[in-house]
Amino acid sequence: DAIDGILEVAKQSDHPRSYEVAGNLISQVAEVT
């Protein structure tokens, strides 16, 4: 859910930091998996 939210923010803002946060969340979810 957090990934979906931050990806939406990243698309709307097109800010590099948003994409960095999304990448980190994806990695963290992969680690938990």
Full PDB file with SEQRES, HELIX, SHEET, SSBOND, CRYST1, ORIGX, SCALE, CONECT and MASTER records, all heavy atoms in Angstrom:
SEQRES   1 A   33  ASP ALA ILE ASP GLY ILE LEU GLU VAL ALA LYS GLN SER          
SEQRES   2 A   33  ASP HIS PRO ARG SER TYR GLU VAL ALA GLY ASN LEU ILE          
SEQRES   3 A   33  SER GLN VAL ALA GLU VAL THR                                  
HELIX    1 AA1 ALA A    2  SER A   13  1                                  12    
HELIX    2 AA2 PRO A   16  VAL A   32  1                                  17    
CRYST1    1.000    1.000    1.000  90.00  90.00  90.00 P 1           1          
ORIGX1      1.000000  0.000000  0.000000        0.00000                         
ORIGX2      0.000000  1.000000  0.000000        0.00000                         
ORIGX3      0.000000  0.000000  1.000000        0.00000                         
SCALE1      1.000000  0.000000  0.000000        0.00000                         
SCALE2      0.000000  1.000000  0.000000        0.00000                         
SCALE3      0.000000  0.000000  1.000000        0.00000                         
ATOM      1  N   ASP A   1       0.837  -1.207   0.000  1.00  0.00           N  
ATOM      2  CA  ASP A   1       0.000   0.000   0.000  1.00  0.00           C  
ATOM      3  C   ASP A   1       0.871   1.256   0.000  1.00  0.00           C  
ATOM      4  O   ASP A   1       0.586   2.224  -0.715  1.00  0.00           O  
ATOM      5  CB  ASP A   1      -0.924   0.023   1.223  1.00  0.00           C  
ATOM      6  CG  ASP A   1      -2.021  -1.031   1.157  1.00  0.00           C  
ATOM      7  OD1 ASP A   1      -2.285  -1.561   0.056  1.00  0.00           O  
ATOM      8  OD2 ASP A   1      -2.603  -1.326   2.220  1.00  0.00           O  
ATOM      9  N   ALA A   2       1.925   1.240   0.807  1.00  0.00           N  
ATOM     10  CA  ALA A   2       2.834   2.388   0.865  1.00  0.00           C  
ATOM     11  C   ALA A   2       3.535   2.599  -0.476  1.00  0.00           C  
ATOM     12  O   ALA A   2       3.703   3.739  -0.923  1.00  0.00           O  
ATOM     13  CB  ALA A   2       3.867   2.190   1.978  1.00  0.00           C  
ATOM     14  N   ILE A   3       3.923   1.519  -1.116  1.00  0.00           N  
ATOM     15  CA  ILE A   3       4.555   1.616  -2.437  1.00  0.00           C  
ATOM     16  C   ILE A   3       3.589   2.252  -3.433  1.00  0.00           C  
ATOM     17  O   ILE A   3       3.967   3.159  -4.188  1.00  0.00           O  
ATOM     18  CB  ILE A   3       5.025   0.233  -2.928  1.00  0.00           C  
ATOM     19  CG1 ILE A   3       6.216  -0.240  -2.103  1.00  0.00           C  
ATOM     20  CG2 ILE A   3       5.377   0.281  -4.414  1.00  0.00           C  
ATOM     21  CD1 ILE A   3       6.564  -1.709  -2.308  1.00  0.00           C  
ATOM     22  N   ASP A   4       2.349   1.788  -3.433  1.00  0.00           N  
ATOM     23  CA  ASP A   4       1.350   2.369  -4.341  1.00  0.00           C  
ATOM     24  C   ASP A   4       1.218   3.871  -4.111  1.00  0.00           C  
ATOM     25  O   ASP A   4       1.182   4.656  -5.062  1.00  0.00           O  
ATOM     26  CB  ASP A   4      -0.012   1.693  -4.163  1.00  0.00           C  
ATOM     27  CG  ASP A   4      -0.024   0.253  -4.642  1.00  0.00           C  
ATOM     28  OD1 ASP A   4       0.872  -0.137  -5.420  1.00  0.00           O  
ATOM     29  OD2 ASP A   4      -0.948  -0.487  -4.223  1.00  0.00           O  
ATOM     30  N   GLY A   5       1.172   4.257  -2.839  1.00  0.00           N  
ATOM     31  CA  GLY A   5       1.031   5.677  -2.503  1.00  0.00           C  
ATOM     32  C   GLY A   5       2.223   6.511  -2.927  1.00  0.00           C  
ATOM     33  O   GLY A   5       2.062   7.579  -3.530  1.00  0.00           O  
ATOM     34  N   ILE A   6       3.419   6.038  -2.631  1.00  0.00           N  
ATOM     35  CA  ILE A   6       4.605   6.827  -2.956  1.00  0.00           C  
ATOM     36  C   ILE A   6       4.841   6.860  -4.464  1.00  0.00           C  
ATOM     37  O   ILE A   6       5.344   7.860  -4.995  1.00  0.00           O  
ATOM     38  CB  ILE A   6       5.858   6.354  -2.188  1.00  0.00           C  
ATOM     39  CG1 ILE A   6       6.972   7.402  -2.263  1.00  0.00           C  
ATOM     40  CG2 ILE A   6       6.361   5.032  -2.702  1.00  0.00           C  
ATOM     41  CD1 ILE A   6       6.668   8.726  -1.646  1.00  0.00           C  
ATOM     42  N   LEU A   7       4.459   5.805  -5.174  1.00  0.00           N  
ATOM     43  CA  LEU A   7       4.588   5.836  -6.634  1.00  0.00           C  
ATOM     44  C   LEU A   7       3.643   6.873  -7.235  1.00  0.00           C  
ATOM     45  O   LEU A   7       3.993   7.553  -8.206  1.00  0.00           O  
ATOM     46  CB  LEU A   7       4.338   4.456  -7.237  1.00  0.00           C  
ATOM     47  CG  LEU A   7       5.471   3.452  -7.066  1.00  0.00           C  
ATOM     48  CD1 LEU A   7       5.057   2.086  -7.621  1.00  0.00           C  
ATOM     49  CD2 LEU A   7       6.746   3.932  -7.754  1.00  0.00           C  
ATOM     50  N   GLU A   8       2.466   7.009  -6.650  1.00  0.00           N  
ATOM     51  CA  GLU A   8       1.533   8.039  -7.117  1.00  0.00           C  
ATOM     52  C   GLU A   8       2.109   9.433  -6.860  1.00  0.00           C  
ATOM     53  O   GLU A   8       2.055  10.308  -7.726  1.00  0.00           O  
ATOM     54  CB  GLU A   8       0.175   7.875  -6.428  1.00  0.00           C  
ATOM     55  CG  GLU A   8      -0.898   8.769  -6.971  1.00  0.00           C  
ATOM     56  CD  GLU A   8      -1.204   8.512  -8.438  1.00  0.00           C  
ATOM     57  OE1 GLU A   8      -1.156   7.351  -8.887  1.00  0.00           O  
ATOM     58  OE2 GLU A   8      -1.485   9.492  -9.150  1.00  0.00           O  
ATOM     59  N   VAL A   9       2.689   9.618  -5.679  1.00  0.00           N  
ATOM     60  CA  VAL A   9       3.326  10.899  -5.356  1.00  0.00           C  
ATOM     61  C   VAL A   9       4.485  11.159  -6.315  1.00  0.00           C  
ATOM     62  O   VAL A   9       4.648  12.273  -6.830  1.00  0.00           O  
ATOM     63  CB  VAL A   9       3.829  10.915  -3.889  1.00  0.00           C  
ATOM     64  CG1 VAL A   9       4.727  12.106  -3.620  1.00  0.00           C  
ATOM     65  CG2 VAL A   9       2.647  10.909  -2.931  1.00  0.00           C  
ATOM     66  N   ALA A  10       5.273  10.138  -6.575  1.00  0.00           N  
ATOM     67  CA  ALA A  10       6.416  10.284  -7.476  1.00  0.00           C  
ATOM     68  C   ALA A  10       5.966  10.676  -8.881  1.00  0.00           C  
ATOM     69  O   ALA A  10       6.574  11.550  -9.504  1.00  0.00           O  
ATOM     70  CB  ALA A  10       7.222   8.991  -7.512  1.00  0.00           C  
ATOM     71  N   LYS A  11       4.903  10.042  -9.360  1.00  0.00           N  
ATOM     72  CA  LYS A  11       4.402  10.369 -10.699  1.00  0.00           C  
ATOM     73  C   LYS A  11       3.900  11.809 -10.763  1.00  0.00           C  
ATOM     74  O   LYS A  11       4.130  12.507 -11.746  1.00  0.00           O  
ATOM     75  CB  LYS A  11       3.278   9.415 -11.090  1.00  0.00           C  
ATOM     76  CG  LYS A  11       3.744   8.018 -11.400  1.00  0.00           C  
ATOM     77  CD  LYS A  11       2.556   7.115 -11.693  1.00  0.00           C  
ATOM     78  CE  LYS A  11       2.979   5.661 -11.800  1.00  0.00           C  
ATOM     79  NZ  LYS A  11       1.819   4.779 -11.978  1.00  0.00           N  
ATOM     80  N   GLN A  12       3.203  12.232  -9.707  1.00  0.00           N  
ATOM     81  CA  GLN A  12       2.639  13.583  -9.704  1.00  0.00           C  
ATOM     82  C   GLN A  12       3.707  14.655  -9.548  1.00  0.00           C  
ATOM     83  O   GLN A  12       3.631  15.708 -10.171  1.00  0.00           O  
ATOM     84  CB  GLN A  12       1.590  13.716  -8.608  1.00  0.00           C  
ATOM     85  CG  GLN A  12       0.336  12.927  -8.887  1.00  0.00           C  
ATOM     86  CD  GLN A  12      -0.671  13.006  -7.763  1.00  0.00           C  
ATOM     87  OE1 GLN A  12      -0.487  13.701  -6.768  1.00  0.00           O  
ATOM     88  NE2 GLN A  12      -1.771  12.265  -7.911  1.00  0.00           N  
ATOM     89  N   SER A  13       4.691  14.382  -8.713  1.00  0.00           N  
ATOM     90  CA  SER A  13       5.707  15.405  -8.441  1.00  0.00           C  
ATOM     91  C   SER A  13       6.912  15.294  -9.362  1.00  0.00           C  
ATOM     92  O   SER A  13       7.612  16.274  -9.575  1.00  0.00           O  
ATOM     93  CB  SER A  13       6.182  15.305  -6.986  1.00  0.00           C  
ATOM     94  OG  SER A  13       6.942  14.118  -6.795  1.00  0.00           O  
ATOM     95  N   ASP A  14       7.149  14.101  -9.881  1.00  0.00           N  
ATOM     96  CA  ASP A  14       8.320  13.818 -10.711  1.00  0.00           C  
ATOM     97  C   ASP A  14       9.609  14.234  -9.994  1.00  0.00           C  
ATOM     98  O   ASP A  14      10.578  14.651 -10.613  1.00  0.00           O  
ATOM     99  CB  ASP A  14       8.208  14.490 -12.077  1.00  0.00           C  
ATOM    100  CG  ASP A  14       9.094  13.826 -13.105  1.00  0.00           C  
ATOM    101  OD1 ASP A  14       9.287  12.588 -13.017  1.00  0.00           O  
ATOM    102  OD2 ASP A  14       9.607  14.537 -13.994  1.00  0.00           O  
ATOM    103  N   HIS A  15       9.593  14.101  -8.680  1.00  0.00           N  
ATOM    104  CA  HIS A  15      10.758  14.474  -7.863  1.00  0.00           C  
ATOM    105  C   HIS A  15      11.629  13.240  -7.642  1.00  0.00           C  
ATOM    106  O   HIS A  15      11.125  12.190  -7.258  1.00  0.00           O  
ATOM    107  CB  HIS A  15      10.280  15.047  -6.527  1.00  0.00           C  
ATOM    108  CG  HIS A  15      11.353  15.743  -5.771  1.00  0.00           C  
ATOM    109  ND1 HIS A  15      12.247  15.084  -4.976  1.00  0.00           N  
ATOM    110  CD2 HIS A  15      11.683  17.061  -5.715  1.00  0.00           C  
ATOM    111  CE1 HIS A  15      13.087  15.951  -4.449  1.00  0.00           C  
ATOM    112  NE2 HIS A  15      12.759  17.162  -4.889  1.00  0.00           N  
ATOM    113  N   PRO A  16      12.933  13.359  -7.857  1.00  0.00           N  
ATOM    114  CA  PRO A  16      13.824  12.206  -7.709  1.00  0.00           C  
ATOM    115  C   PRO A  16      13.767  11.556  -6.319  1.00  0.00           C  
ATOM    116  O   PRO A  16      13.874  10.341  -6.194  1.00  0.00           O  
ATOM    117  CB  PRO A  16      15.211  12.777  -7.978  1.00  0.00           C  
ATOM    118  CG  PRO A  16      14.979  14.019  -8.749  1.00  0.00           C  
ATOM    119  CD  PRO A  16      13.649  14.548  -8.326  1.00  0.00           C  
ATOM    120  N   ARG A  17      13.589  12.347  -5.290  1.00  0.00           N  
ATOM    121  CA  ARG A  17      13.542  11.807  -3.935  1.00  0.00           C  
ATOM    122  C   ARG A  17      12.353  10.858  -3.768  1.00  0.00           C  
ATOM    123  O   ARG A  17      12.449   9.839  -3.082  1.00  0.00           O  
ATOM    124  CB  ARG A  17      13.479  12.945  -2.916  1.00  0.00           C  
ATOM    125  CG  ARG A  17      13.351  12.508  -1.481  1.00  0.00           C  
ATOM    126  CD  ARG A  17      14.602  11.834  -0.962  1.00  0.00           C  
ATOM    127  NE  ARG A  17      14.392  11.453   0.435  1.00  0.00           N  
ATOM    128  CZ  ARG A  17      14.767  10.313   0.960  1.00  0.00           C  
ATOM    129  NH1 ARG A  17      15.437   9.445   0.254  1.00  0.00           N  
ATOM    130  NH2 ARG A  17      14.525  10.046   2.215  1.00  0.00           N  
ATOM    131  N   SER A  18      11.237  11.181  -4.387  1.00  0.00           N  
ATOM    132  CA  SER A  18      10.059  10.310  -4.311  1.00  0.00           C  
ATOM    133  C   SER A  18      10.360   8.943  -4.909  1.00  0.00           C  
ATOM    134  O   SER A  18       9.955   7.912  -4.369  1.00  0.00           O  
ATOM    135  CB  SER A  18       8.873  10.930  -5.052  1.00  0.00           C  
ATOM    136  OG  SER A  18       8.518  12.161  -4.485  1.00  0.00           O  
ATOM    137  N   TYR A  19      11.076   8.941  -6.023  1.00  0.00           N  
ATOM    138  CA  TYR A  19      11.437   7.669  -6.650  1.00  0.00           C  
ATOM    139  C   TYR A  19      12.452   6.903  -5.797  1.00  0.00           C  
ATOM    140  O   TYR A  19      12.421   5.678  -5.730  1.00  0.00           O  
ATOM    141  CB  TYR A  19      11.978   7.897  -8.066  1.00  0.00           C  
ATOM    142  CG  TYR A  19      10.892   8.259  -9.034  1.00  0.00           C  
ATOM    143  CD1 TYR A  19      10.677   9.579  -9.404  1.00  0.00           C  
ATOM    144  CD2 TYR A  19      10.060   7.276  -9.552  1.00  0.00           C  
ATOM    145  CE1 TYR A  19       9.660   9.910 -10.293  1.00  0.00           C  
ATOM    146  CE2 TYR A  19       9.034   7.600 -10.438  1.00  0.00           C  
ATOM    147  CZ  TYR A  19       8.847   8.922 -10.803  1.00  0.00           C  
ATOM    148  OH  TYR A  19       7.836   9.248 -11.672  1.00  0.00           O  
ATOM    149  N   GLU A  20      13.326   7.633  -5.123  1.00  0.00           N  
ATOM    150  CA  GLU A  20      14.288   6.991  -4.227  1.00  0.00           C  
ATOM    151  C   GLU A  20      13.560   6.311  -3.063  1.00  0.00           C  
ATOM    152  O   GLU A  20      13.870   5.163  -2.703  1.00  0.00           O  
ATOM    153  CB  GLU A  20      15.281   8.027  -3.690  1.00  0.00           C  
ATOM    154  CG  GLU A  20      16.326   7.462  -2.772  1.00  0.00           C  
ATOM    155  CD  GLU A  20      17.263   8.526  -2.207  1.00  0.00           C  
ATOM    156  OE1 GLU A  20      17.181   9.695  -2.608  1.00  0.00           O  
ATOM    157  OE2 GLU A  20      18.075   8.163  -1.335  1.00  0.00           O  
ATOM    158  N   VAL A  21      12.592   7.003  -2.492  1.00  0.00           N  
ATOM    159  CA  VAL A  21      11.803   6.436  -1.397  1.00  0.00           C  
ATOM    160  C   VAL A  21      11.035   5.206  -1.890  1.00  0.00           C  
ATOM    161  O   VAL A  21      10.991   4.180  -1.209  1.00  0.00           O  
ATOM    162  CB  VAL A  21      10.838   7.489  -0.805  1.00  0.00           C  
ATOM    163  CG1 VAL A  21       9.851   6.851   0.161  1.00  0.00           C  
ATOM    164  CG2 VAL A  21      11.623   8.594  -0.110  1.00  0.00           C  
ATOM    165  N   ALA A  22      10.462   5.294  -3.077  1.00  0.00           N  
ATOM    166  CA  ALA A  22       9.734   4.153  -3.641  1.00  0.00           C  
ATOM    167  C   ALA A  22      10.666   2.957  -3.807  1.00  0.00           C  
ATOM    168  O   ALA A  22      10.311   1.827  -3.457  1.00  0.00           O  
ATOM    169  CB  ALA A  22       9.100   4.528  -4.984  1.00  0.00           C  
ATOM    170  N   GLY A  23      11.865   3.202  -4.316  1.00  0.00           N  
ATOM    171  CA  GLY A  23      12.842   2.128  -4.478  1.00  0.00           C  
ATOM    172  C   GLY A  23      13.208   1.489  -3.148  1.00  0.00           C  
ATOM    173  O   GLY A  23      13.324   0.264  -3.044  1.00  0.00           O  
ATOM    174  N   ASN A  24      13.371   2.315  -2.124  1.00  0.00           N  
ATOM    175  CA  ASN A  24      13.688   1.791  -0.790  1.00  0.00           C  
ATOM    176  C   ASN A  24      12.548   0.947  -0.238  1.00  0.00           C  
ATOM    177  O   ASN A  24      12.777  -0.112   0.353  1.00  0.00           O  
ATOM    178  CB  ASN A  24      14.017   2.928   0.173  1.00  0.00           C  
ATOM    179  CG  ASN A  24      15.348   3.569  -0.111  1.00  0.00           C  
ATOM    180  OD1 ASN A  24      16.231   2.967  -0.716  1.00  0.00           O  
ATOM    181  ND2 ASN A  24      15.517   4.813   0.306  1.00  0.00           N  
ATOM    182  N   LEU A  25      11.319   1.410  -0.420  1.00  0.00           N  
ATOM    183  CA  LEU A  25      10.162   0.641   0.047  1.00  0.00           C  
ATOM    184  C   LEU A  25      10.059  -0.694  -0.677  1.00  0.00           C  
ATOM    185  O   LEU A  25       9.765  -1.722  -0.062  1.00  0.00           O  
ATOM    186  CB  LEU A  25       8.874   1.441  -0.154  1.00  0.00           C  
ATOM    187  CG  LEU A  25       8.586   2.519   0.880  1.00  0.00           C  
ATOM    188  CD1 LEU A  25       7.399   3.364   0.424  1.00  0.00           C  
ATOM    189  CD2 LEU A  25       8.300   1.903   2.234  1.00  0.00           C  
ATOM    190  N   ILE A  26      10.303  -0.681  -1.962  1.00  0.00           N  
ATOM    191  CA  ILE A  26      10.260  -1.921  -2.730  1.00  0.00           C  
ATOM    192  C   ILE A  26      11.299  -2.909  -2.201  1.00  0.00           C  
ATOM    193  O   ILE A  26      11.019  -4.094  -2.008  1.00  0.00           O  
ATOM    194  CB  ILE A  26      10.451  -1.634  -4.236  1.00  0.00           C  
ATOM    195  CG1 ILE A  26       9.223  -0.903  -4.775  1.00  0.00           C  
ATOM    196  CG2 ILE A  26      10.713  -2.924  -5.009  1.00  0.00           C  
ATOM    197  CD1 ILE A  26       9.414  -0.294  -6.157  1.00  0.00           C  
ATOM    198  N   SER A  27      12.496  -2.406  -1.916  1.00  0.00           N  
ATOM    199  CA  SER A  27      13.554  -3.269  -1.362  1.00  0.00           C  
ATOM    200  C   SER A  27      13.162  -3.827   0.000  1.00  0.00           C  
ATOM    201  O   SER A  27      13.399  -5.010   0.290  1.00  0.00           O  
ATOM    202  CB  SER A  27      14.861  -2.487  -1.237  1.00  0.00           C  
ATOM    203  OG  SER A  27      15.367  -2.162  -2.497  1.00  0.00           O  
ATOM    204  N   GLN A  28      12.559  -2.986   0.831  1.00  0.00           N  
ATOM    205  CA  GLN A  28      12.165  -3.436   2.162  1.00  0.00           C  
ATOM    206  C   GLN A  28      11.071  -4.494   2.100  1.00  0.00           C  
ATOM    207  O   GLN A  28      11.100  -5.478   2.848  1.00  0.00           O  
ATOM    208  CB  GLN A  28      11.725  -2.240   3.006  1.00  0.00           C  
ATOM    209  CG  GLN A  28      12.874  -1.333   3.360  1.00  0.00           C  
ATOM    210  CD  GLN A  28      12.425  -0.029   4.005  1.00  0.00           C  
ATOM    211  OE1 GLN A  28      11.241   0.237   4.147  1.00  0.00           O  
ATOM    212  NE2 GLN A  28      13.400   0.801   4.378  1.00  0.00           N  
ATOM    213  N   VAL A  29      10.112  -4.323   1.204  1.00  0.00           N  
ATOM    214  CA  VAL A  29       9.054  -5.324   1.049  1.00  0.00           C  
ATOM    215  C   VAL A  29       9.646  -6.633   0.528  1.00  0.00           C  
ATOM    216  O   VAL A  29       9.285  -7.719   0.984  1.00  0.00           O  
ATOM    217  CB  VAL A  29       7.917  -4.805   0.138  1.00  0.00           C  
ATOM    218  CG1 VAL A  29       6.942  -5.920  -0.217  1.00  0.00           C  
ATOM    219  CG2 VAL A  29       7.177  -3.664   0.828  1.00  0.00           C  
ATOM    220  N   ALA A  30      10.591  -6.511  -0.391  1.00  0.00           N  
ATOM    221  CA  ALA A  30      11.255  -7.715  -0.905  1.00  0.00           C  
ATOM    222  C   ALA A  30      12.005  -8.438   0.212  1.00  0.00           C  
ATOM    223  O   ALA A  30      11.988  -9.679   0.279  1.00  0.00           O  
ATOM    224  CB  ALA A  30      12.214  -7.352  -2.034  1.00  0.00           C  
ATOM    225  N   GLU A  31      12.636  -7.694   1.110  1.00  0.00           N  
ATOM    226  CA  GLU A  31      13.348  -8.305   2.242  1.00  0.00           C  
ATOM    227  C   GLU A  31      12.387  -9.039   3.166  1.00  0.00           C  
ATOM    228  O   GLU A  31      12.688 -10.143   3.628  1.00  0.00           O  
ATOM    229  CB  GLU A  31      14.116  -7.242   3.020  1.00  0.00           C  
ATOM    230  CG  GLU A  31      15.341  -6.721   2.299  1.00  0.00           C  
ATOM    231  CD  GLU A  31      16.041  -5.593   3.050  1.00  0.00           C  
ATOM    232  OE1 GLU A  31      15.786  -5.424   4.264  1.00  0.00           O  
ATOM    233  OE2 GLU A  31      16.822  -4.881   2.404  1.00  0.00           O  
ATOM    234  N   VAL A  32      11.249  -8.440   3.453  1.00  0.00           N  
ATOM    235  CA  VAL A  32      10.269  -9.094   4.325  1.00  0.00           C  
ATOM    236  C   VAL A  32       9.722 -10.347   3.644  1.00  0.00           C  
ATOM    237  O   VAL A  32       9.532 -11.387   4.288  1.00  0.00           O  
ATOM    238  CB  VAL A  32       9.124  -8.130   4.714  1.00  0.00           C  
ATOM    239  CG1 VAL A  32       8.032  -8.865   5.494  1.00  0.00           C  
ATOM    240  CG2 VAL A  32       9.658  -6.968   5.534  1.00  0.00           C  
ATOM    241  N   THR A  33       9.504 -10.273   2.351  1.00  0.00           N  
ATOM    242  CA  THR A  33       9.035 -11.437   1.606  1.00  0.00           C  
ATOM    243  C   THR A  33      10.058 -12.564   1.688  1.00  0.00           C  
ATOM    244  O   THR A  33       9.701 -13.733   1.875  1.00  0.00           O  
ATOM    245  CB  THR A  33       8.751 -11.056   0.135  1.00  0.00           C  
ATOM    246  OG1 THR A  33       7.803  -9.987   0.120  1.00  0.00           O  
ATOM    247  CG2 THR A  33       8.209 -12.230  -0.643  1.00  0.00           C  
TER     248      THR A  33                                                      
MASTER        0    0    0    2    0    0    0    6  247    1    0    3          
END                                                                             
